[in-house]
Structure formats: C-alpha cells, structure tokens
Amino acid sequence: MVDREQRTPFYGIVLILASMLGAFAVNYYGVGPYWFRIAVYLVAAMVILVGAVMTFRDYSR
C-alpha cells in the first residue's frame, strides 16, 4: 500500500497540470464557441479540485 500512497500525489499534480494546459490551450487558440470554452473551464476547475485533493491528502494515519 505504500507504493500507491507515493503515486497518488504525483497523479494529482499530473491532473492539475493537464487541466491547466487544456484551459490555456482553449483560451490561447480560441477553439470553439463560447459555450465550449465555458464547459472546458468548468471541467478544468473540477479536475483541479480532484487533483488538489489527491495531492494534499494526508496519509499520516
């Protein structure tokens, strides 16, 4: 179980970076209509929250 506990923060950081890069790409390149951009931003925000929970979860117990 120790191996999984060490990989969880890494996966959280990967989720955060991927969602930030996705939102940046949509904003920078202006892909799609406004409703699509808003949907990407909302999904990115939710993924960042999940990534933050995975990254900063306390396994001290």
C-alpha atoms as a PDB file:
ATOM      1  CA  MET A   1       0.000   0.000   0.000  1.00  0.00           C
ATOM      2  CA  VAL A   2       2.961   2.322   0.469  1.00  0.00           C
ATOM      3  CA  ASP A   3       3.659   2.361  -3.263  1.00  0.00           C
ATOM      4  CA  ARG A   4       0.130   3.585  -4.045  1.00  0.00           C
ATOM      5  CA  GLU A   5       0.399   6.294  -1.409  1.00  0.00           C
ATOM      6  CA  GLN A   6       3.538   7.627  -3.066  1.00  0.00           C
ATOM      7  CA  ARG A   7       1.985   7.707  -6.533  1.00  0.00           C
ATOM      8  CA  THR A   8      -1.233   9.470  -5.529  1.00  0.00           C
ATOM      9  CA  PRO A   9       0.324  12.973  -5.136  1.00  0.00           C
ATOM     10  CA  PHE A  10       2.083  12.534  -8.469  1.00  0.00           C
ATOM     11  CA  TYR A  11      -1.196  11.721 -10.203  1.00  0.00           C
ATOM     12  CA  GLY A  12      -2.759  14.760  -8.538  1.00  0.00           C
ATOM     13  CA  ILE A  13      -0.042  17.036  -9.917  1.00  0.00           C
ATOM     14  CA  VAL A  14      -0.448  15.487 -13.369  1.00  0.00           C
ATOM     15  CA  LEU A  15      -4.203  16.147 -13.247  1.00  0.00           C
ATOM     16  CA  ILE A  16      -3.649  19.765 -12.202  1.00  0.00           C
ATOM     17  CA  LEU A  17      -1.076  20.411 -14.929  1.00  0.00           C
ATOM     18  CA  ALA A  18      -3.132  18.716 -17.636  1.00  0.00           C
ATOM     19  CA  SER A  19      -6.256  20.704 -16.812  1.00  0.00           C
ATOM     20  CA  MET A  20      -4.310  23.958 -16.665  1.00  0.00           C
ATOM     21  CA  LEU A  21      -2.703  23.260 -20.038  1.00  0.00           C
ATOM     22  CA  GLY A  22      -6.071  22.334 -21.536  1.00  0.00           C
ATOM     23  CA  ALA A  23      -7.698  25.537 -20.309  1.00  0.00           C
ATOM     24  CA  PHE A  24      -4.712  27.560 -21.522  1.00  0.00           C
ATOM     25  CA  ALA A  25      -4.884  25.966 -24.967  1.00  0.00           C
ATOM     26  CA  VAL A  26      -8.596  26.694 -25.308  1.00  0.00           C
ATOM     27  CA  ASN A  27      -8.049  30.286 -24.222  1.00  0.00           C
ATOM     28  CA  TYR A  28      -4.918  30.947 -26.302  1.00  0.00           C
ATOM     29  CA  TYR A  29      -6.073  29.356 -29.546  1.00  0.00           C
ATOM     30  CA  GLY A  30      -9.725  30.385 -29.194  1.00  0.00           C
ATOM     31  CA  VAL A  31     -11.014  26.922 -30.055  1.00  0.00           C
ATOM     32  CA  GLY A  32     -14.758  26.545 -30.467  1.00  0.00           C
ATOM     33  CA  PRO A  33     -17.719  28.688 -29.486  1.00  0.00           C
ATOM     34  CA  TYR A  34     -18.129  30.316 -26.078  1.00  0.00           C
ATOM     35  CA  TRP A  35     -20.268  27.509 -24.638  1.00  0.00           C
ATOM     36  CA  PHE A  36     -17.469  25.041 -25.417  1.00  0.00           C
ATOM     37  CA  ARG A  37     -14.853  27.234 -23.743  1.00  0.00           C
ATOM     38  CA  ILE A  38     -17.015  27.637 -20.651  1.00  0.00           C
ATOM     39  CA  ALA A  39     -17.542  23.867 -20.498  1.00  0.00           C
ATOM     40  CA  VAL A  40     -13.784  23.278 -20.733  1.00  0.00           C
ATOM     41  CA  TYR A  41     -13.137  25.804 -17.964  1.00  0.00           C
ATOM     42  CA  LEU A  42     -15.723  24.179 -15.695  1.00  0.00           C
ATOM     43  CA  VAL A  43     -14.325  20.700 -16.297  1.00  0.00           C
ATOM     44  CA  ALA A  44     -10.797  22.018 -15.725  1.00  0.00           C
ATOM     45  CA  ALA A  45     -11.858  23.570 -12.421  1.00  0.00           C
ATOM     46  CA  MET A  46     -13.391  20.294 -11.255  1.00  0.00           C
ATOM     47  CA  VAL A  47     -10.299  18.329 -12.295  1.00  0.00           C
ATOM     48  CA  ILE A  48      -8.063  20.805 -10.464  1.00  0.00           C
ATOM     49  CA  LEU A  49     -10.113  20.270  -7.301  1.00  0.00           C
ATOM     50  CA  VAL A  50      -9.771  16.485  -7.609  1.00  0.00           C
ATOM     51  CA  GLY A  51      -6.042  16.848  -8.271  1.00  0.00           C
ATOM     52  CA  ALA A  52      -5.621  19.103  -5.247  1.00  0.00           C
ATOM     53  CA  VAL A  53      -7.370  16.587  -3.010  1.00  0.00           C
ATOM     54  CA  MET A  54      -5.159  13.815  -4.357  1.00  0.00           C
ATOM     55  CA  THR A  55      -2.001  15.894  -3.955  1.00  0.00           C
ATOM     56  CA  PHE A  56      -2.592  17.244  -0.473  1.00  0.00           C
ATOM     57  CA  ARG A  57      -4.299  14.224   1.076  1.00  0.00           C
ATOM     58  CA  ASP A  58      -2.921  13.296   4.475  1.00  0.00           C
ATOM     59  CA  TYR A  59      -1.767   9.687   4.820  1.00  0.00           C
ATOM     60  CA  SER A  60      -0.336  10.106   8.325  1.00  0.00           C
ATOM     61  CA  ARG A  61      -2.881   7.812   9.969  1.00  0.00           C
END
